[in-house]
Amino acid sequence: MLLHIYVQPSAAQAGFIAELELPGDKFGTRTEEVTARKYKLKSAPEDGKANQELIELIASDYKVSKSQVKIKKGLGSRYKIVEIS
């Protein structure tokens, strides 16, 4: 399963916020719009801390292990494509 994710790092509280319709080009896709899940993260975007927090949140939300969640695209971006295997 592939998910389009938009993250807001360095937030006061962490968690899933909402589903948003965003332009597909933000994710490198050819579709006009994609449905993306917005997550707020407490961690700052440095040394992979925010990415690790995102993986933990998604694993918890989808009730899978952290090893089943991989960021396929967007490691250094707020716009990410995440795969759950």
PDB file of N, CA and C in Angstrom:
ATOM      1  N   MET A   1       0.850  -1.170   0.000  1.00  0.00           N
ATOM      2  CA  MET A   1       0.000   0.000   0.000  1.00  0.00           C
ATOM      3  C   MET A   1       0.898   1.236   0.000  1.00  0.00           C
ATOM      4  N   LEU A   2       0.608   2.173  -0.896  1.00  0.00           N
ATOM      5  CA  LEU A   2       1.343   3.424  -0.955  1.00  0.00           C
ATOM      6  C   LEU A   2       0.491   4.543  -0.375  1.00  0.00           C
ATOM      7  N   LEU A   3       1.125   5.393   0.421  1.00  0.00           N
ATOM      8  CA  LEU A   3       0.456   6.547   1.015  1.00  0.00           C
ATOM      9  C   LEU A   3       1.184   7.812   0.610  1.00  0.00           C
ATOM     10  N   HIS A   4       0.430   8.846   0.317  1.00  0.00           N
ATOM     11  CA  HIS A   4       0.993  10.173   0.116  1.00  0.00           C
ATOM     12  C   HIS A   4       0.867  10.892   1.459  1.00  0.00           C
ATOM     13  N   ILE A   5       1.983  11.415   1.942  1.00  0.00           N
ATOM     14  CA  ILE A   5       2.028  12.016   3.277  1.00  0.00           C
ATOM     15  C   ILE A   5       2.590  13.431   3.178  1.00  0.00           C
ATOM     16  N   TYR A   6       1.949  14.353   3.882  1.00  0.00           N
ATOM     17  CA  TYR A   6       2.476  15.707   4.051  1.00  0.00           C
ATOM     18  C   TYR A   6       2.770  15.869   5.538  1.00  0.00           C
ATOM     19  N   VAL A   7       3.991  16.288   5.875  1.00  0.00           N
ATOM     20  CA  VAL A   7       4.360  16.412   7.289  1.00  0.00           C
ATOM     21  C   VAL A   7       4.626  17.854   7.671  1.00  0.00           C
ATOM     22  N   GLN A   8       4.328  18.149   8.927  1.00  0.00           N
ATOM     23  CA  GLN A   8       4.651  19.440   9.532  1.00  0.00           C
ATOM     24  C   GLN A   8       5.543  19.149  10.732  1.00  0.00           C
ATOM     25  N   PRO A   9       6.870  19.283  10.565  1.00  0.00           N
ATOM     26  CA  PRO A   9       7.783  18.997  11.678  1.00  0.00           C
ATOM     27  C   PRO A   9       7.781  20.116  12.713  1.00  0.00           C
ATOM     28  N   SER A  10       8.375  19.819  13.850  1.00  0.00           N
ATOM     29  CA  SER A  10       8.534  20.779  14.957  1.00  0.00           C
ATOM     30  C   SER A  10       7.197  21.328  15.451  1.00  0.00           C
ATOM     31  N   ALA A  11       6.179  20.491  15.490  1.00  0.00           N
ATOM     32  CA  ALA A  11       4.856  20.902  15.977  1.00  0.00           C
ATOM     33  C   ALA A  11       4.765  20.650  17.484  1.00  0.00           C
ATOM     34  N   ALA A  12       3.802  21.274  18.119  1.00  0.00           N
ATOM     35  CA  ALA A  12       3.616  21.115  19.562  1.00  0.00           C
ATOM     36  C   ALA A  12       3.124  19.711  19.909  1.00  0.00           C
ATOM     37  N   GLN A  13       2.250  19.163  19.072  1.00  0.00           N
ATOM     38  CA  GLN A  13       1.731  17.815  19.302  1.00  0.00           C
ATOM     39  C   GLN A  13       1.900  16.999  18.037  1.00  0.00           C
ATOM     40  N   ALA A  14       2.047  15.688  18.197  1.00  0.00           N
ATOM     41  CA  ALA A  14       2.251  14.802  17.057  1.00  0.00           C
ATOM     42  C   ALA A  14       0.996  13.989  16.792  1.00  0.00           C
ATOM     43  N   GLY A  15       0.795  13.643  15.519  1.00  0.00           N
ATOM     44  CA  GLY A  15      -0.302  12.760  15.174  1.00  0.00           C
ATOM     45  C   GLY A  15      -0.896  13.076  13.815  1.00  0.00           C
ATOM     46  N   PHE A  16      -1.845  12.230  13.419  1.00  0.00           N
ATOM     47  CA  PHE A  16      -2.567  12.413  12.161  1.00  0.00           C
ATOM     48  C   PHE A  16      -3.520  13.583  12.322  1.00  0.00           C
ATOM     49  N   ILE A  17      -3.579  14.445  11.317  1.00  0.00           N
ATOM     50  CA  ILE A  17      -4.422  15.634  11.379  1.00  0.00           C
ATOM     51  C   ILE A  17      -5.628  15.512  10.461  1.00  0.00           C
ATOM     52  N   ALA A  18      -5.402  15.256   9.165  1.00  0.00           N
ATOM     53  CA  ALA A  18      -6.504  15.242   8.209  1.00  0.00           C
ATOM     54  C   ALA A  18      -6.033  14.671   6.879  1.00  0.00           C
ATOM     55  N   GLU A  19      -7.003  14.405   6.008  1.00  0.00           N
ATOM     56  CA  GLU A  19      -6.693  14.079   4.624  1.00  0.00           C
ATOM     57  C   GLU A  19      -6.888  15.335   3.798  1.00  0.00           C
ATOM     58  N   LEU A  20      -5.932  15.598   2.905  1.00  0.00           N
ATOM     59  CA  LEU A  20      -5.949  16.810   2.101  1.00  0.00           C
ATOM     60  C   LEU A  20      -5.860  16.455   0.623  1.00  0.00           C
ATOM     61  N   GLU A  21      -6.422  17.293  -0.226  1.00  0.00           N
ATOM     62  CA  GLU A  21      -6.228  17.181  -1.671  1.00  0.00           C
ATOM     63  C   GLU A  21      -5.094  18.139  -2.023  1.00  0.00           C
ATOM     64  N   LEU A  22      -3.972  17.581  -2.517  1.00  0.00           N
ATOM     65  CA  LEU A  22      -2.800  18.384  -2.843  1.00  0.00           C
ATOM     66  C   LEU A  22      -2.402  18.139  -4.298  1.00  0.00           C
ATOM     67  N   PRO A  23      -1.705  19.091  -4.916  1.00  0.00           N
ATOM     68  CA  PRO A  23      -1.248  18.901  -6.299  1.00  0.00           C
ATOM     69  C   PRO A  23      -0.312  17.697  -6.405  1.00  0.00           C
ATOM     70  N   GLY A  24      -0.526  16.869  -7.403  1.00  0.00           N
ATOM     71  CA  GLY A  24       0.288  15.674  -7.586  1.00  0.00           C
ATOM     72  C   GLY A  24       1.753  15.963  -7.834  1.00  0.00           C
ATOM     73  N   ASP A  25       2.063  17.131  -8.438  1.00  0.00           N
ATOM     74  CA  ASP A  25       3.464  17.434  -8.729  1.00  0.00           C
ATOM     75  C   ASP A  25       4.306  17.601  -7.460  1.00  0.00           C
ATOM     76  N   LYS A  26       3.677  17.881  -6.330  1.00  0.00           N
ATOM     77  CA  LYS A  26       4.418  17.972  -5.059  1.00  0.00           C
ATOM     78  C   LYS A  26       5.046  16.626  -4.697  1.00  0.00           C
ATOM     79  N   PHE A  27       4.418  15.534  -5.172  1.00  0.00           N
ATOM     80  CA  PHE A  27       4.884  14.187  -4.866  1.00  0.00           C
ATOM     81  C   PHE A  27       5.608  13.551  -6.047  1.00  0.00           C
ATOM     82  N   GLY A  28       5.743  14.307  -7.139  1.00  0.00           N
ATOM     83  CA  GLY A  28       6.398  13.773  -8.326  1.00  0.00           C
ATOM     84  C   GLY A  28       5.516  12.827  -9.121  1.00  0.00           C
ATOM     85  N   THR A  29       4.189  12.937  -8.967  1.00  0.00           N
ATOM     86  CA  THR A  29       3.278  12.088  -9.728  1.00  0.00           C
ATOM     87  C   THR A  29       2.667  12.899 -10.867  1.00  0.00           C
ATOM     88  N   ARG A  30       2.110  12.217 -11.825  1.00  0.00           N
ATOM     89  CA  ARG A  30       1.543  12.881 -12.994  1.00  0.00           C
ATOM     90  C   ARG A  30       0.069  13.220 -12.837  1.00  0.00           C
ATOM     91  N   THR A  31      -0.526  12.812 -11.756  1.00  0.00           N
ATOM     92  CA  THR A  31      -1.934  13.114 -11.549  1.00  0.00           C
ATOM     93  C   THR A  31      -2.088  14.556 -11.100  1.00  0.00           C
ATOM     94  N   GLU A  32      -3.238  15.137 -11.389  1.00  0.00           N
ATOM     95  CA  GLU A  32      -3.473  16.531 -11.018  1.00  0.00           C
ATOM     96  C   GLU A  32      -3.527  16.720  -9.514  1.00  0.00           C
ATOM     97  N   GLU A  33      -4.295  15.877  -8.839  1.00  0.00           N
ATOM     98  CA  GLU A  33      -4.406  15.965  -7.379  1.00  0.00           C
ATOM     99  C   GLU A  33      -4.276  14.581  -6.766  1.00  0.00           C
ATOM    100  N   VAL A  34      -3.744  14.550  -5.572  1.00  0.00           N
ATOM    101  CA  VAL A  34      -3.673  13.308  -4.807  1.00  0.00           C
ATOM    102  C   VAL A  34      -4.259  13.566  -3.426  1.00  0.00           C
ATOM    103  N   THR A  35      -4.781  12.522  -2.830  1.00  0.00           N
ATOM    104  CA  THR A  35      -5.248  12.603  -1.453  1.00  0.00           C
ATOM    105  C   THR A  35      -4.064  12.255  -0.552  1.00  0.00           C
ATOM    106  N   ALA A  36      -3.686  13.189   0.275  1.00  0.00           N
ATOM    107  CA  ALA A  36      -2.536  13.001   1.162  1.00  0.00           C
ATOM    108  C   ALA A  36      -2.989  13.080   2.613  1.00  0.00           C
ATOM    109  N   ARG A  37      -2.311  12.314   3.444  1.00  0.00           N
ATOM    110  CA  ARG A  37      -2.565  12.352   4.880  1.00  0.00           C
ATOM    111  C   ARG A  37      -1.585  13.326   5.514  1.00  0.00           C
ATOM    112  N   LYS A  38      -2.078  14.259   6.317  1.00  0.00           N
ATOM    113  CA  LYS A  38      -1.215  15.234   6.989  1.00  0.00           C
ATOM    114  C   LYS A  38      -0.920  14.753   8.407  1.00  0.00           C
ATOM    115  N   TYR A  39       0.368  14.746   8.735  1.00  0.00           N
ATOM    116  CA  TYR A  39       0.825  14.406  10.077  1.00  0.00           C
ATOM    117  C   TYR A  39       1.620  15.571  10.641  1.00  0.00           C
ATOM    118  N   LYS A  40       1.377  15.877  11.911  1.00  0.00           N
ATOM    119  CA  LYS A  40       2.230  16.810  12.640  1.00  0.00           C
ATOM    120  C   LYS A  40       3.228  15.971  13.431  1.00  0.00           C
ATOM    121  N   LEU A  41       4.473  16.441  13.457  1.00  0.00           N
ATOM    122  CA  LEU A  41       5.546  15.728  14.146  1.00  0.00           C
ATOM    123  C   LEU A  41       6.208  16.654  15.154  1.00  0.00           C
ATOM    124  N   LYS A  42       6.515  16.132  16.332  1.00  0.00           N
ATOM    125  CA  LYS A  42       7.218  16.928  17.341  1.00  0.00           C
ATOM    126  C   LYS A  42       8.687  17.116  16.982  1.00  0.00           C
ATOM    127  N   SER A  43       9.277  16.135  16.338  1.00  0.00           N
ATOM    128  CA  SER A  43      10.713  16.164  16.034  1.00  0.00           C
ATOM    129  C   SER A  43      11.046  17.213  14.986  1.00  0.00           C
ATOM    130  N   ALA A  44      12.248  17.741  15.116  1.00  0.00           N
ATOM    131  CA  ALA A  44      12.779  18.663  14.107  1.00  0.00           C
ATOM    132  C   ALA A  44      13.295  17.848  12.919  1.00  0.00           C
ATOM    133  N   PRO A  45      13.303  18.439  11.728  1.00  0.00           N
ATOM    134  CA  PRO A  45      13.767  17.700  10.548  1.00  0.00           C
ATOM    135  C   PRO A  45      15.302  17.676  10.445  1.00  0.00           C
ATOM    136  N   GLU A  46      15.924  17.056  11.414  1.00  0.00           N
ATOM    137  CA  GLU A  46      17.382  16.946  11.395  1.00  0.00           C
ATOM    138  C   GLU A  46      17.800  15.555  11.822  1.00  0.00           C
ATOM    139  N   ASP A  47      18.816  15.043  11.166  1.00  0.00           N
ATOM    140  CA  ASP A  47      19.375  13.714  11.457  1.00  0.00           C
ATOM    141  C   ASP A  47      18.338  12.598  11.330  1.00  0.00           C
ATOM    142  N   GLY A  48      17.318  12.783  10.508  1.00  0.00           N
ATOM    143  CA  GLY A  48      16.318  11.739  10.282  1.00  0.00           C
ATOM    144  C   GLY A  48      15.335  11.535  11.426  1.00  0.00           C
ATOM    145  N   LYS A  49      15.354  12.407  12.419  1.00  0.00           N
ATOM    146  CA  LYS A  49      14.473  12.241  13.586  1.00  0.00           C
ATOM    147  C   LYS A  49      12.997  12.360  13.215  1.00  0.00           C
ATOM    148  N   ALA A  50      12.656  13.324  12.376  1.00  0.00           N
ATOM    149  CA  ALA A  50      11.259  13.495  11.980  1.00  0.00           C
ATOM    150  C   ALA A  50      10.796  12.302  11.137  1.00  0.00           C
ATOM    151  N   ASN A  51      11.651  11.803  10.257  1.00  0.00           N
ATOM    152  CA  ASN A  51      11.284  10.631   9.453  1.00  0.00           C
ATOM    153  C   ASN A  51      11.046   9.413  10.337  1.00  0.00           C
ATOM    154  N   GLN A  52      11.896   9.230  11.338  1.00  0.00           N
ATOM    155  CA  GLN A  52      11.720   8.095  12.246  1.00  0.00           C
ATOM    156  C   GLN A  52      10.429   8.227  13.041  1.00  0.00           C
ATOM    157  N   GLU A  53      10.109   9.433  13.493  1.00  0.00           N
ATOM    158  CA  GLU A  53       8.858   9.650  14.216  1.00  0.00           C
ATOM    159  C   GLU A  53       7.659   9.364  13.311  1.00  0.00           C
ATOM    160  N   LEU A  54       7.741   9.785  12.046  1.00  0.00           N
ATOM    161  CA  LEU A  54       6.661   9.520  11.099  1.00  0.00           C
ATOM    162  C   LEU A  54       6.456   8.019  10.914  1.00  0.00           C
ATOM    163  N   ILE A  55       7.536   7.274  10.767  1.00  0.00           N
ATOM    164  CA  ILE A  55       7.439   5.819  10.617  1.00  0.00           C
ATOM    165  C   ILE A  55       6.754   5.211  11.829  1.00  0.00           C
ATOM    166  N   GLU A  56       7.106   5.658  13.025  1.00  0.00           N
ATOM    167  CA  GLU A  56       6.488   5.138  14.246  1.00  0.00           C
ATOM    168  C   GLU A  56       4.992   5.457  14.296  1.00  0.00           C
ATOM    169  N   LEU A  57       4.608   6.674  13.912  1.00  0.00           N
ATOM    170  CA  LEU A  57       3.195   7.056  13.921  1.00  0.00           C
ATOM    171  C   LEU A  57       2.382   6.248  12.914  1.00  0.00           C
ATOM    172  N   ILE A  58       2.920   6.092  11.714  1.00  0.00           N
ATOM    173  CA  ILE A  58       2.198   5.330  10.692  1.00  0.00           C
ATOM    174  C   ILE A  58       2.079   3.867  11.101  1.00  0.00           C
ATOM    175  N   ALA A  59       3.152   3.296  11.633  1.00  0.00           N
ATOM    176  CA  ALA A  59       3.107   1.907  12.093  1.00  0.00           C
ATOM    177  C   ALA A  59       2.039   1.731  13.165  1.00  0.00           C
ATOM    178  N   SER A  60       1.948   2.681  14.066  1.00  0.00           N
ATOM    179  CA  SER A  60       0.938   2.622  15.126  1.00  0.00           C
ATOM    180  C   SER A  60      -0.475   2.772  14.554  1.00  0.00           C
ATOM    181  N   ASP A  61      -0.667   3.737  13.652  1.00  0.00           N
ATOM    182  CA  ASP A  61      -1.988   3.969  13.058  1.00  0.00           C
ATOM    183  C   ASP A  61      -2.495   2.768  12.261  1.00  0.00           C
ATOM    184  N   TYR A  62      -1.592   2.108  11.527  1.00  0.00           N
ATOM    185  CA  TYR A  62      -1.987   0.988  10.679  1.00  0.00           C
ATOM    186  C   TYR A  62      -1.765  -0.368  11.348  1.00  0.00           C
ATOM    187  N   LYS A  63      -1.317  -0.336  12.597  1.00  0.00           N
ATOM    188  CA  LYS A  63      -1.106  -1.547  13.391  1.00  0.00           C
ATOM    189  C   LYS A  63      -0.196  -2.566  12.676  1.00  0.00           C
ATOM    190  N   VAL A  64       0.950  -2.057  12.233  1.00  0.00           N
ATOM    191  CA  VAL A  64       1.984  -2.888  11.627  1.00  0.00           C
ATOM    192  C   VAL A  64       3.298  -2.588  12.345  1.00  0.00           C
ATOM    193  N   SER A  65       4.313  -3.416  12.095  1.00  0.00           N
ATOM    194  CA  SER A  65       5.607  -3.152  12.717  1.00  0.00           C
ATOM    195  C   SER A  65       6.318  -2.031  11.963  1.00  0.00           C
ATOM    196  N   LYS A  66       7.235  -1.366  12.646  1.00  0.00           N
ATOM    197  CA  LYS A  66       7.978  -0.266  12.043  1.00  0.00           C
ATOM    198  C   LYS A  66       8.774  -0.736  10.827  1.00  0.00           C
ATOM    199  N   SER A  67       9.218  -2.001  10.839  1.00  0.00           N
ATOM    200  CA  SER A  67      10.005  -2.512   9.721  1.00  0.00           C
ATOM    201  C   SER A  67       9.168  -2.669   8.448  1.00  0.00           C
ATOM    202  N   GLN A  68       7.856  -2.639   8.569  1.00  0.00           N
ATOM    203  CA  GLN A  68       6.972  -2.748   7.408  1.00  0.00           C
ATOM    204  C   GLN A  68       6.680  -1.389   6.765  1.00  0.00           C
ATOM    205  N   VAL A  69       7.148  -0.308   7.373  1.00  0.00           N
ATOM    206  CA  VAL A  69       6.898   1.046   6.864  1.00  0.00           C
ATOM    207  C   VAL A  69       8.201   1.602   6.297  1.00  0.00           C
ATOM    208  N   LYS A  70       8.178   1.981   5.020  1.00  0.00           N
ATOM    209  CA  LYS A  70       9.362   2.507   4.347  1.00  0.00           C
ATOM    210  C   LYS A  70       9.016   3.816   3.645  1.00  0.00           C
ATOM    211  N   ILE A  71       9.865   4.806   3.780  1.00  0.00           N
ATOM    212  CA  ILE A  71       9.709   6.050   3.031  1.00  0.00           C
ATOM    213  C   ILE A  71      10.366   5.826   1.672  1.00  0.00           C
ATOM    214  N   LYS A  72       9.550   5.750   0.632  1.00  0.00           N
ATOM    215  CA  LYS A  72      10.040   5.455  -0.714  1.00  0.00           C
ATOM    216  C   LYS A  72      10.556   6.707  -1.420  1.00  0.00           C
ATOM    217  N   LYS A  73       9.969   7.857  -1.112  1.00  0.00           N
ATOM    218  CA  LYS A  73      10.349   9.099  -1.791  1.00  0.00           C
ATOM    219  C   LYS A  73      10.118  10.261  -0.836  1.00  0.00           C
ATOM    220  N   GLY A  74      11.040  11.223  -0.837  1.00  0.00           N
ATOM    221  CA  GLY A  74      10.846  12.423  -0.046  1.00  0.00           C
ATOM    222  C   GLY A  74      11.533  12.430   1.302  1.00  0.00           C
ATOM    223  N   LEU A  75      12.655  11.752   1.437  1.00  0.00           N
ATOM    224  CA  LEU A  75      13.352  11.721   2.732  1.00  0.00           C
ATOM    225  C   LEU A  75      13.697  13.119   3.237  1.00  0.00           C
ATOM    226  N   GLY A  76      14.007  14.048   2.335  1.00  0.00           N
ATOM    227  CA  GLY A  76      14.365  15.395   2.742  1.00  0.00           C
ATOM    228  C   GLY A  76      13.290  16.421   2.439  1.00  0.00           C
ATOM    229  N   SER A  77      12.058  15.963   2.324  1.00  0.00           N
ATOM    230  CA  SER A  77      10.954  16.845   1.925  1.00  0.00           C
ATOM    231  C   SER A  77       9.775  16.692   2.874  1.00  0.00           C
ATOM    232  N   ARG A  78       8.891  17.668   2.878  1.00  0.00           N
ATOM    233  CA  ARG A  78       7.645  17.547   3.640  1.00  0.00           C
ATOM    234  C   ARG A  78       6.645  16.640   2.928  1.00  0.00           C
ATOM    235  N   TYR A  79       6.842  16.448   1.630  1.00  0.00           N
ATOM    236  CA  TYR A  79       5.951  15.623   0.809  1.00  0.00           C
ATOM    237  C   TYR A  79       6.610  14.270   0.609  1.00  0.00           C
ATOM    238  N   LYS A  80       5.971  13.210   1.099  1.00  0.00           N
ATOM    239  CA  LYS A  80       6.581  11.890   1.089  1.00  0.00           C
ATOM    240  C   LYS A  80       5.636  10.850   0.500  1.00  0.00           C
ATOM    241  N   ILE A  81       6.219   9.819  -0.085  1.00  0.00           N
ATOM    242  CA  ILE A  81       5.465   8.637  -0.475  1.00  0.00           C
ATOM    243  C   ILE A  81       5.975   7.510   0.404  1.00  0.00           C
ATOM    244  N   VAL A  82       5.054   6.902   1.148  1.00  0.00           N
ATOM    245  CA  VAL A  82       5.394   5.870   2.131  1.00  0.00           C
ATOM    246  C   VAL A  82       4.742   4.563   1.700  1.00  0.00           C
ATOM    247  N   GLU A  83       5.495   3.485   1.826  1.00  0.00           N
ATOM    248  CA  GLU A  83       4.985   2.161   1.492  1.00  0.00           C
ATOM    249  C   GLU A  83       4.823   1.339   2.763  1.00  0.00           C
ATOM    250  N   ILE A  84       3.676   0.702   2.877  1.00  0.00           N
ATOM    251  CA  ILE A  84       3.439  -0.260   3.967  1.00  0.00           C
ATOM    252  C   ILE A  84       3.365  -1.633   3.330  1.00  0.00           C
ATOM    253  N   SER A  85       4.239  -2.532   3.762  1.00  0.00           N
ATOM    254  CA  SER A  85       4.259  -3.885   3.176  1.00  0.00           C
ATOM    255  C   SER A  85       3.591  -4.887   4.092  1.00  0.00           C
TER     256      SER A  85
END
